[in-house]
Every structure is written in structure tokens, then in C-alpha cells.
Amino acid sequence: MSTAEYLTTAQGRKIAYHRSAGVSPGVVFLGGFKSDMEGTKAVHLEAWARRTGRAFLRFDYSGHGQSSEAFTDGAIGDWAADAMAAIGALTEGPQVLVGSSMGGWISLLCARALPERVAGLVTVAAAPDFTEDSMWAGFDDAQRDALFEKGEVALPSEYGEPYVITRRLIEEGRENLVLRSPLSLPFPVRFLQGTADADVEMSVALRLLEHAEGPDMRLTLVDGADHRFSDADCLALIERSVEEVIDRAAAG
């Protein structure tokens, strides 16, 4: 495994990344909540990019993977700022963003803030507004009380240690919601969603498709695919979706 490079942001956070040179538009992978850039989808897409000569960037948000800071110190706005800093400093020209789970939300925030830097978008089990619509909405009274009194609450995870959810994550998330106000996506967009996803329901993908506005948006539902969306068929679909978005962006 090659050694990561580091970008220091304006906030002083050190963001670990891997970057491959290639043709434009480049592809940027944005990972999920408590995920990192060594995940199956990120590494698979990097191999695809190298094979096809496409510029590619994967990175870890602060508090994730090899980047600096503690996970519990971060929130959606921080991680979106990390992504925008990486796109701004480490890529040239418009990029195709590939956002997985929380990375789908982050990619939408990037598209809203930096439309001139986005050539297209592919989301995989996108989880926009999940801190409000999934976490906060799903908390019982005891969990909400703990969040306010202790500043955090632990949630069980199928992926390892419990998730520690901070009060700041919930409250700061409300400042970055994307499904409560107009969301313009004026470029090719492909939303991908598994029907067996236990973390992000199909209704989220349908709500995102209905809410967003754009000239070229499509949602693909994959029967039986789970939240990881990482078997051979799903990875091939991600590749094809990225290639289609690149072709559609080039066609103008």
C-alpha cells in the first residue's frame, strides 16, 4: 500500500489523500460515516481510473482514517469543508464526484457550494440529512436526554465499535441540510441504491430524486444489494455510472 500524502487545510487539519494523475474530468471519491479511503469502492475506483488513464483522488475526512483530529470532534460541515479543500487544492477543473453514504450528502454540499467545480455526480446509497432524519428522528427520549445532558450517545454498529454520536453532530448537521431547500444539480447525476440496504431506506433515494432539480438525473435500484454495495456487480455498476456521467458531461 502506497504512503498517503497530506494536505493541511485552512483550519489546520491534516487530510490524508492518494492522488493519481490522468485526463480530465477527474474523479473524486467521498467516503461514508466513519469510513476511510481504503474501502473497497474507493480502491476499486482508483484501479479503474489508473486502467483508463483518468485523474483520481481519494482522501480521509478529518477524524477518519489517516487524517488528523478525533472523530467525535467533527461534524458534517467540517467534513464538507475538508472535501472542498481537497477538491480545491488537489484537483484541476470540474470533477465527477462519487459520494458513498454520508459522502453522498457531502457531495451534494460540494455541488451546492462549488457548482463550477462539478462536472457530474454519482451517489451510492446517499444519506443526505441523516443526522436529522435517521439519527435524531430515531432517538428515544432517553437517548435525546443523554445527548443534551452528556453531550453524546453511543449507538450500536454492525461495522465494529459503537458509533458515538455527539450533540454537535446533530445540531451542526441542521445547518447543512439539503432536502429542506432548493437543490439544483445542473449536470449529469446518477443515484444508485440497493433494495436490501438496512442503513439507508429506498425512500431516501426516491425523496432525493424527487427533491433535486436537474436536466439529467436517474435513479437505479439494485435488487438485493445492501449498504456496502461492494460485490462485483455493484462495483461494475458504479464504474459504468461514472463512465456514463463523464460521457454525458463531455456531450454537454
C-alpha atoms as a PDB file:
ATOM      1  CA  MET A   1       0.000   0.000   0.000  1.00  0.00           C
ATOM      2  CA  SER A   2       1.458   3.352  -1.038  1.00  0.00           C
ATOM      3  CA  THR A   3       2.090   6.043   1.535  1.00  0.00           C
ATOM      4  CA  ALA A   4      -0.537   8.739   1.868  1.00  0.00           C
ATOM      5  CA  GLU A   5       0.247  12.387   1.261  1.00  0.00           C
ATOM      6  CA  TYR A   6      -1.188  15.159   3.421  1.00  0.00           C
ATOM      7  CA  LEU A   7      -2.960  18.433   2.810  1.00  0.00           C
ATOM      8  CA  THR A   8      -3.177  20.991   5.620  1.00  0.00           C
ATOM      9  CA  THR A   9      -6.471  22.884   5.471  1.00  0.00           C
ATOM     10  CA  ALA A  10      -7.124  26.488   6.420  1.00  0.00           C
ATOM     11  CA  GLN A  11      -8.442  25.175   9.754  1.00  0.00           C
ATOM     12  CA  GLY A  12      -5.140  23.384  10.403  1.00  0.00           C
ATOM     13  CA  ARG A  13      -6.499  19.872   9.840  1.00  0.00           C
ATOM     14  CA  LYS A  14      -4.209  17.373   8.089  1.00  0.00           C
ATOM     15  CA  ILE A  15      -6.104  15.499   5.387  1.00  0.00           C
ATOM     16  CA  ALA A  16      -4.580  12.233   4.146  1.00  0.00           C
ATOM     17  CA  TYR A  17      -5.020  11.520   0.453  1.00  0.00           C
ATOM     18  CA  HIS A  18      -3.962   9.464  -2.552  1.00  0.00           C
ATOM     19  CA  ARG A  19      -3.962  11.130  -5.955  1.00  0.00           C
ATOM     20  CA  SER A  20      -3.446   9.665  -9.420  1.00  0.00           C
ATOM     21  CA  ALA A  21      -2.653  11.795 -12.460  1.00  0.00           C
ATOM     22  CA  GLY A  22      -4.726  11.420 -15.615  1.00  0.00           C
ATOM     23  CA  VAL A  23      -7.129  13.020 -18.034  1.00  0.00           C
ATOM     24  CA  SER A  24      -9.967  15.356 -17.103  1.00  0.00           C
ATOM     25  CA  PRO A  25     -12.562  15.442 -15.799  1.00  0.00           C
ATOM     26  CA  GLY A  26     -11.059  13.765 -12.782  1.00  0.00           C
ATOM     27  CA  VAL A  27     -12.987  11.606 -10.343  1.00  0.00           C
ATOM     28  CA  VAL A  28     -13.128  12.294  -6.592  1.00  0.00           C
ATOM     29  CA  PHE A  29     -14.344   9.630  -4.168  1.00  0.00           C
ATOM     30  CA  LEU A  30     -16.085  10.803  -0.987  1.00  0.00           C
ATOM     31  CA  GLY A  31     -16.458   8.120   1.666  1.00  0.00           C
ATOM     32  CA  GLY A  32     -19.040   7.432   4.302  1.00  0.00           C
ATOM     33  CA  PHE A  33     -19.522   7.987   8.021  1.00  0.00           C
ATOM     34  CA  LYS A  34     -16.563   6.506   9.945  1.00  0.00           C
ATOM     35  CA  SER A  35     -15.305   5.000   6.679  1.00  0.00           C
ATOM     36  CA  ASP A  36     -11.923   5.678   5.090  1.00  0.00           C
ATOM     37  CA  MET A  37     -10.211   5.861   1.719  1.00  0.00           C
ATOM     38  CA  GLU A  38      -9.007   2.245   1.937  1.00  0.00           C
ATOM     39  CA  GLY A  39     -12.547   0.914   1.467  1.00  0.00           C
ATOM     40  CA  THR A  40     -13.447  -1.461  -1.357  1.00  0.00           C
ATOM     41  CA  LYS A  41     -15.241   1.092  -3.543  1.00  0.00           C
ATOM     42  CA  ALA A  42     -12.533   3.755  -3.242  1.00  0.00           C
ATOM     43  CA  VAL A  43      -9.684   1.375  -4.039  1.00  0.00           C
ATOM     44  CA  HIS A  44     -11.639  -0.284  -6.863  1.00  0.00           C
ATOM     45  CA  LEU A  45     -12.366   3.072  -8.489  1.00  0.00           C
ATOM     46  CA  GLU A  46      -8.721   4.079  -8.185  1.00  0.00           C
ATOM     47  CA  ALA A  47      -7.717   0.907 -10.054  1.00  0.00           C
ATOM     48  CA  TRP A  48     -10.343   1.686 -12.720  1.00  0.00           C
ATOM     49  CA  ALA A  49      -9.028   5.249 -13.039  1.00  0.00           C
ATOM     50  CA  ARG A  50      -5.445   4.089 -13.476  1.00  0.00           C
ATOM     51  CA  ARG A  51      -6.513   1.486 -16.019  1.00  0.00           C
ATOM     52  CA  THR A  52      -8.409   4.072 -18.053  1.00  0.00           C
ATOM     53  CA  GLY A  53      -5.967   6.963 -17.570  1.00  0.00           C
ATOM     54  CA  ARG A  54      -8.433   9.067 -15.572  1.00  0.00           C
ATOM     55  CA  ALA A  55      -7.315  11.501 -12.856  1.00  0.00           C
ATOM     56  CA  PHE A  56      -8.488  10.302  -9.442  1.00  0.00           C
ATOM     57  CA  LEU A  57      -8.496  11.456  -5.819  1.00  0.00           C
ATOM     58  CA  ARG A  58      -9.481   9.647  -2.625  1.00  0.00           C
ATOM     59  CA  PHE A  59      -8.999  11.098   0.856  1.00  0.00           C
ATOM     60  CA  ASP A  60      -9.930  10.789   4.518  1.00  0.00           C
ATOM     61  CA  TYR A  61     -12.049  13.420   6.235  1.00  0.00           C
ATOM     62  CA  SER A  62     -10.622  14.739   9.498  1.00  0.00           C
ATOM     63  CA  GLY A  63     -11.235  12.250  12.302  1.00  0.00           C
ATOM     64  CA  HIS A  64     -11.335   9.432   9.746  1.00  0.00           C
ATOM     65  CA  GLY A  65      -8.660   7.004   8.592  1.00  0.00           C
ATOM     66  CA  GLN A  66      -5.190   8.517   8.474  1.00  0.00           C
ATOM     67  CA  SER A  67      -6.221  12.170   8.808  1.00  0.00           C
ATOM     68  CA  SER A  68      -5.757  14.264  11.935  1.00  0.00           C
ATOM     69  CA  GLU A  69      -8.308  15.102  14.655  1.00  0.00           C
ATOM     70  CA  ALA A  70     -10.662  12.955  16.705  1.00  0.00           C
ATOM     71  CA  PHE A  71     -13.788  11.567  15.070  1.00  0.00           C
ATOM     72  CA  THR A  72     -16.004  12.890  17.873  1.00  0.00           C
ATOM     73  CA  ASP A  73     -14.711  16.442  17.295  1.00  0.00           C
ATOM     74  CA  GLY A  74     -16.051  16.513  13.734  1.00  0.00           C
ATOM     75  CA  ALA A  75     -19.412  17.253  12.126  1.00  0.00           C
ATOM     76  CA  ILE A  76     -20.933  17.443   8.667  1.00  0.00           C
ATOM     77  CA  GLY A  77     -19.797  20.993   7.982  1.00  0.00           C
ATOM     78  CA  ASP A  78     -16.217  20.161   8.967  1.00  0.00           C
ATOM     79  CA  TRP A  79     -16.115  17.145   6.673  1.00  0.00           C
ATOM     80  CA  ALA A  80     -17.685  19.096   3.816  1.00  0.00           C
ATOM     81  CA  ALA A  81     -15.023  21.781   4.311  1.00  0.00           C
ATOM     82  CA  ASP A  82     -12.345  19.073   4.187  1.00  0.00           C
ATOM     83  CA  ALA A  83     -13.787  17.789   0.912  1.00  0.00           C
ATOM     84  CA  MET A  84     -13.941  21.260  -0.610  1.00  0.00           C
ATOM     85  CA  ALA A  85     -10.364  21.960   0.474  1.00  0.00           C
ATOM     86  CA  ALA A  86      -9.202  18.720  -1.144  1.00  0.00           C
ATOM     87  CA  ILE A  87     -11.089  19.411  -4.367  1.00  0.00           C
ATOM     88  CA  GLY A  88      -9.783  22.974  -4.459  1.00  0.00           C
ATOM     89  CA  ALA A  89      -6.138  22.180  -3.763  1.00  0.00           C
ATOM     90  CA  LEU A  90      -5.660  18.721  -5.275  1.00  0.00           C
ATOM     91  CA  THR A  91      -7.706  18.731  -8.487  1.00  0.00           C
ATOM     92  CA  GLU A  92      -7.913  20.864 -11.610  1.00  0.00           C
ATOM     93  CA  GLY A  93     -11.100  21.838 -13.374  1.00  0.00           C
ATOM     94  CA  PRO A  94     -14.544  20.270 -12.969  1.00  0.00           C
ATOM     95  CA  GLN A  95     -14.653  16.860 -11.297  1.00  0.00           C
ATOM     96  CA  VAL A  96     -17.034  13.923 -11.205  1.00  0.00           C
ATOM     97  CA  LEU A  97     -17.878  13.368  -7.540  1.00  0.00           C
ATOM     98  CA  VAL A  98     -18.651   9.844  -6.334  1.00  0.00           C
ATOM     99  CA  GLY A  99     -20.271  10.026  -2.900  1.00  0.00           C
ATOM    100  CA  SER A 100     -20.937   6.929  -0.817  1.00  0.00           C
ATOM    101  CA  SER A 101     -23.498   7.068   2.021  1.00  0.00           C
ATOM    102  CA  MET A 102     -22.582  10.187   4.035  1.00  0.00           C
ATOM    103  CA  GLY A 103     -20.295  11.024   1.120  1.00  0.00           C
ATOM    104  CA  GLY A 104     -23.449  11.435  -0.943  1.00  0.00           C
ATOM    105  CA  TRP A 105     -24.553  14.205   1.413  1.00  0.00           C
ATOM    106  CA  ILE A 106     -21.068  15.743   1.368  1.00  0.00           C
ATOM    107  CA  SER A 107     -21.013  15.637  -2.438  1.00  0.00           C
ATOM    108  CA  LEU A 108     -24.339  17.485  -2.567  1.00  0.00           C
ATOM    109  CA  LEU A 109     -22.950  20.176  -0.260  1.00  0.00           C
ATOM    110  CA  CYS A 110     -19.895  20.461  -2.529  1.00  0.00           C
ATOM    111  CA  ALA A 111     -22.120  20.713  -5.592  1.00  0.00           C
ATOM    112  CA  ARG A 112     -24.154  23.449  -3.923  1.00  0.00           C
ATOM    113  CA  ALA A 113     -21.101  25.447  -2.841  1.00  0.00           C
ATOM    114  CA  LEU A 114     -18.797  24.788  -5.811  1.00  0.00           C
ATOM    115  CA  PRO A 115     -21.017  24.212  -8.864  1.00  0.00           C
ATOM    116  CA  GLU A 116     -18.280  25.351 -11.221  1.00  0.00           C
ATOM    117  CA  ARG A 117     -16.030  22.530  -9.974  1.00  0.00           C
ATOM    118  CA  VAL A 118     -18.549  19.725 -10.508  1.00  0.00           C
ATOM    119  CA  ALA A 119     -18.860  18.045 -13.922  1.00  0.00           C
ATOM    120  CA  GLY A 120     -21.181  15.310 -12.705  1.00  0.00           C
ATOM    121  CA  LEU A 121     -22.277  13.280  -9.706  1.00  0.00           C
ATOM    122  CA  VAL A 122     -22.675   9.606  -8.822  1.00  0.00           C
ATOM    123  CA  THR A 123     -24.050   8.686  -5.403  1.00  0.00           C
ATOM    124  CA  VAL A 124     -24.066   5.244  -3.826  1.00  0.00           C
ATOM    125  CA  ALA A 125     -26.661   4.751  -1.077  1.00  0.00           C
ATOM    126  CA  ALA A 126     -26.637   8.506  -0.491  1.00  0.00           C
ATOM    127  CA  ALA A 127     -27.622   9.551   3.028  1.00  0.00           C
ATOM    128  CA  PRO A 128     -28.487  13.265   2.863  1.00  0.00           C
ATOM    129  CA  ASP A 129     -29.698  14.813   6.126  1.00  0.00           C
ATOM    130  CA  PHE A 130     -29.209  11.512   8.002  1.00  0.00           C
ATOM    131  CA  THR A 131     -28.252  13.188  11.281  1.00  0.00           C
ATOM    132  CA  GLU A 132     -31.747  14.690  11.408  1.00  0.00           C
ATOM    133  CA  ASP A 133     -33.958  12.220   9.549  1.00  0.00           C
ATOM    134  CA  SER A 134     -32.369   8.972  10.729  1.00  0.00           C
ATOM    135  CA  MET A 135     -30.435   9.625  13.933  1.00  0.00           C
ATOM    136  CA  TRP A 136     -32.411  12.369  15.685  1.00  0.00           C
ATOM    137  CA  ALA A 137     -35.760  11.114  14.423  1.00  0.00           C
ATOM    138  CA  GLY A 138     -34.912   7.618  15.646  1.00  0.00           C
ATOM    139  CA  PHE A 139     -33.731   8.550  19.135  1.00  0.00           C
ATOM    140  CA  ASP A 140     -35.971   7.671  22.052  1.00  0.00           C
ATOM    141  CA  ASP A 141     -36.488  10.049  24.972  1.00  0.00           C
ATOM    142  CA  ALA A 142     -33.620   8.534  26.969  1.00  0.00           C
ATOM    143  CA  GLN A 143     -31.191   8.946  24.082  1.00  0.00           C
ATOM    144  CA  ARG A 144     -32.252  12.531  23.495  1.00  0.00           C
ATOM    145  CA  ASP A 145     -31.857  13.284  27.197  1.00  0.00           C
ATOM    146  CA  ALA A 146     -28.374  11.729  27.200  1.00  0.00           C
ATOM    147  CA  LEU A 147     -27.420  13.790  24.159  1.00  0.00           C
ATOM    148  CA  PHE A 148     -28.356  17.027  25.893  1.00  0.00           C
ATOM    149  CA  GLU A 149     -27.076  16.127  29.383  1.00  0.00           C
ATOM    150  CA  LYS A 150     -23.864  14.254  28.484  1.00  0.00           C
ATOM    151  CA  GLY A 151     -23.239  15.718  25.048  1.00  0.00           C
ATOM    152  CA  GLU A 152     -23.138  12.318  23.366  1.00  0.00           C
ATOM    153  CA  VAL A 153     -24.863   8.971  22.962  1.00  0.00           C
ATOM    154  CA  ALA A 154     -23.477   5.616  21.775  1.00  0.00           C
ATOM    155  CA  LEU A 155     -25.277   3.727  19.004  1.00  0.00           C
ATOM    156  CA  PRO A 156     -24.598   0.081  18.116  1.00  0.00           C
ATOM    157  CA  SER A 157     -22.948  -0.593  14.764  1.00  0.00           C
ATOM    158  CA  GLU A 158     -22.792  -3.633  12.521  1.00  0.00           C
ATOM    159  CA  TYR A 159     -19.378  -2.468  11.355  1.00  0.00           C
ATOM    160  CA  GLY A 160     -17.422  -2.616  14.623  1.00  0.00           C
ATOM    161  CA  GLU A 161     -17.327  -0.410  17.714  1.00  0.00           C
ATOM    162  CA  PRO A 162     -20.439   1.604  18.648  1.00  0.00           C
ATOM    163  CA  TYR A 163     -20.897   4.971  16.979  1.00  0.00           C
ATOM    164  CA  VAL A 164     -20.507   7.827  19.451  1.00  0.00           C
ATOM    165  CA  ILE A 165     -22.943  10.494  18.307  1.00  0.00           C
ATOM    166  CA  THR A 166     -22.280  13.964  19.680  1.00  0.00           C
ATOM    167  CA  ARG A 167     -24.737  16.747  20.320  1.00  0.00           C
ATOM    168  CA  ARG A 168     -22.668  18.919  17.996  1.00  0.00           C
ATOM    169  CA  LEU A 169     -23.017  16.397  15.155  1.00  0.00           C
ATOM    170  CA  ILE A 170     -26.802  16.647  15.406  1.00  0.00           C
ATOM    171  CA  GLU A 171     -27.041  20.395  15.904  1.00  0.00           C
ATOM    172  CA  GLU A 172     -24.407  21.297  13.308  1.00  0.00           C
ATOM    173  CA  GLY A 173     -25.993  18.867  10.864  1.00  0.00           C
ATOM    174  CA  ARG A 174     -29.120  21.040  10.914  1.00  0.00           C
ATOM    175  CA  GLU A 175     -27.092  23.872   9.416  1.00  0.00           C
ATOM    176  CA  ASN A 176     -26.189  21.700   6.405  1.00  0.00           C
ATOM    177  CA  LEU A 177     -29.470  20.023   5.446  1.00  0.00           C
ATOM    178  CA  VAL A 178     -30.035  19.717   1.684  1.00  0.00           C
ATOM    179  CA  LEU A 179     -33.580  18.332   1.453  1.00  0.00           C
ATOM    180  CA  ARG A 180     -35.312  21.360   3.005  1.00  0.00           C
ATOM    181  CA  SER A 181     -34.414  23.951   0.386  1.00  0.00           C
ATOM    182  CA  PRO A 182     -33.986  24.001  -3.404  1.00  0.00           C
ATOM    183  CA  LEU A 183     -31.206  21.688  -4.615  1.00  0.00           C
ATOM    184  CA  SER A 184     -30.005  22.390  -8.139  1.00  0.00           C
ATOM    185  CA  LEU A 185     -27.883  19.734  -9.860  1.00  0.00           C
ATOM    186  CA  PRO A 186     -27.245  21.183 -13.331  1.00  0.00           C
ATOM    187  CA  PHE A 187     -25.051  18.319 -14.568  1.00  0.00           C
ATOM    188  CA  PRO A 188     -25.395  14.552 -15.176  1.00  0.00           C
ATOM    189  CA  VAL A 189     -26.375  12.728 -11.982  1.00  0.00           C
ATOM    190  CA  ARG A 190     -26.729   9.006 -11.273  1.00  0.00           C
ATOM    191  CA  PHE A 191     -28.150   7.870  -7.931  1.00  0.00           C
ATOM    192  CA  LEU A 192     -27.508   4.193  -7.055  1.00  0.00           C
ATOM    193  CA  GLN A 193     -29.386   2.405  -4.268  1.00  0.00           C
ATOM    194  CA  GLY A 194     -29.741  -1.202  -3.067  1.00  0.00           C
ATOM    195  CA  THR A 195     -33.167  -2.564  -2.162  1.00  0.00           C
ATOM    196  CA  ALA A 196     -31.734  -4.557   0.775  1.00  0.00           C
ATOM    197  CA  ASP A 197     -29.938  -1.584   2.335  1.00  0.00           C
ATOM    198  CA  ALA A 198     -30.568  -1.750   6.096  1.00  0.00           C
ATOM    199  CA  ASP A 199     -28.916   1.643   6.763  1.00  0.00           C
ATOM    200  CA  VAL A 200     -30.445   3.884   4.089  1.00  0.00           C
ATOM    201  CA  GLU A 201     -34.007   3.104   3.018  1.00  0.00           C
ATOM    202  CA  MET A 202     -35.091   3.275  -0.620  1.00  0.00           C
ATOM    203  CA  SER A 203     -37.420   6.103   0.372  1.00  0.00           C
ATOM    204  CA  VAL A 204     -34.369   8.335   0.900  1.00  0.00           C
ATOM    205  CA  ALA A 205     -33.202   7.788  -2.679  1.00  0.00           C
ATOM    206  CA  LEU A 206     -36.688   8.441  -4.002  1.00  0.00           C
ATOM    207  CA  ARG A 207     -37.012  11.586  -1.905  1.00  0.00           C
ATOM    208  CA  LEU A 208     -33.647  12.848  -3.180  1.00  0.00           C
ATOM    209  CA  LEU A 209     -34.620  12.191  -6.805  1.00  0.00           C
ATOM    210  CA  GLU A 210     -37.949  13.967  -6.298  1.00  0.00           C
ATOM    211  CA  HIS A 211     -36.444  16.916  -4.432  1.00  0.00           C
ATOM    212  CA  ALA A 212     -33.401  17.705  -6.568  1.00  0.00           C
ATOM    213  CA  GLU A 213     -33.722  19.681  -9.788  1.00  0.00           C
ATOM    214  CA  GLY A 214     -31.598  18.912 -12.829  1.00  0.00           C
ATOM    215  CA  PRO A 215     -31.747  18.124 -16.554  1.00  0.00           C
ATOM    216  CA  ASP A 216     -30.169  14.655 -16.388  1.00  0.00           C
ATOM    217  CA  MET A 217     -30.897  12.696 -13.207  1.00  0.00           C
ATOM    218  CA  ARG A 218     -31.520   8.959 -12.937  1.00  0.00           C
ATOM    219  CA  LEU A 219     -32.017   6.576 -10.026  1.00  0.00           C
ATOM    220  CA  THR A 220     -31.020   2.911 -10.347  1.00  0.00           C
ATOM    221  CA  LEU A 221     -32.332   0.434  -7.767  1.00  0.00           C
ATOM    222  CA  VAL A 222     -30.377  -2.821  -7.437  1.00  0.00           C
ATOM    223  CA  ASP A 223     -32.461  -5.727  -6.185  1.00  0.00           C
ATOM    224  CA  GLY A 224     -30.874  -7.372  -3.133  1.00  0.00           C
ATOM    225  CA  ALA A 225     -27.901  -5.027  -2.835  1.00  0.00           C
ATOM    226  CA  ASP A 226     -27.003  -3.966   0.712  1.00  0.00           C
ATOM    227  CA  HIS A 227     -25.458  -0.784   2.055  1.00  0.00           C
ATOM    228  CA  ARG A 228     -21.911  -1.832   1.259  1.00  0.00           C
ATOM    229  CA  PHE A 229     -22.773  -2.003  -2.448  1.00  0.00           C
ATOM    230  CA  SER A 230     -19.416  -3.669  -2.999  1.00  0.00           C
ATOM    231  CA  ASP A 231     -19.943  -7.006  -4.731  1.00  0.00           C
ATOM    232  CA  ALA A 232     -18.665  -7.456  -8.274  1.00  0.00           C
ATOM    233  CA  ASP A 233     -21.942  -6.466  -9.941  1.00  0.00           C
ATOM    234  CA  CYS A 234     -22.322  -3.341  -7.821  1.00  0.00           C
ATOM    235  CA  LEU A 235     -18.736  -2.257  -8.422  1.00  0.00           C
ATOM    236  CA  ALA A 236     -19.213  -2.740 -12.164  1.00  0.00           C
ATOM    237  CA  LEU A 237     -22.390  -0.629 -12.000  1.00  0.00           C
ATOM    238  CA  ILE A 238     -20.503   2.159 -10.231  1.00  0.00           C
ATOM    239  CA  GLU A 239     -17.864   2.075 -12.983  1.00  0.00           C
ATOM    240  CA  ARG A 240     -20.479   2.223 -15.740  1.00  0.00           C
ATOM    241  CA  SER A 241     -22.295   5.056 -13.992  1.00  0.00           C
ATOM    242  CA  VAL A 242     -19.121   7.109 -13.681  1.00  0.00           C
ATOM    243  CA  GLU A 243     -18.288   6.470 -17.336  1.00  0.00           C
ATOM    244  CA  GLU A 244     -21.812   7.456 -18.387  1.00  0.00           C
ATOM    245  CA  VAL A 245     -21.651  10.686 -16.385  1.00  0.00           C
ATOM    246  CA  ILE A 246     -18.276  11.527 -17.947  1.00  0.00           C
ATOM    247  CA  ASP A 247     -19.651  10.879 -21.448  1.00  0.00           C
ATOM    248  CA  ARG A 248     -22.792  12.898 -20.800  1.00  0.00           C
ATOM    249  CA  ALA A 249     -20.758  15.785 -19.352  1.00  0.00           C
ATOM    250  CA  ALA A 250     -18.483  15.760 -22.406  1.00  0.00           C
ATOM    251  CA  ALA A 251     -21.504  15.823 -24.706  1.00  0.00           C
ATOM    252  CA  GLY A 252     -22.594  18.995 -22.937  1.00  0.00           C
END
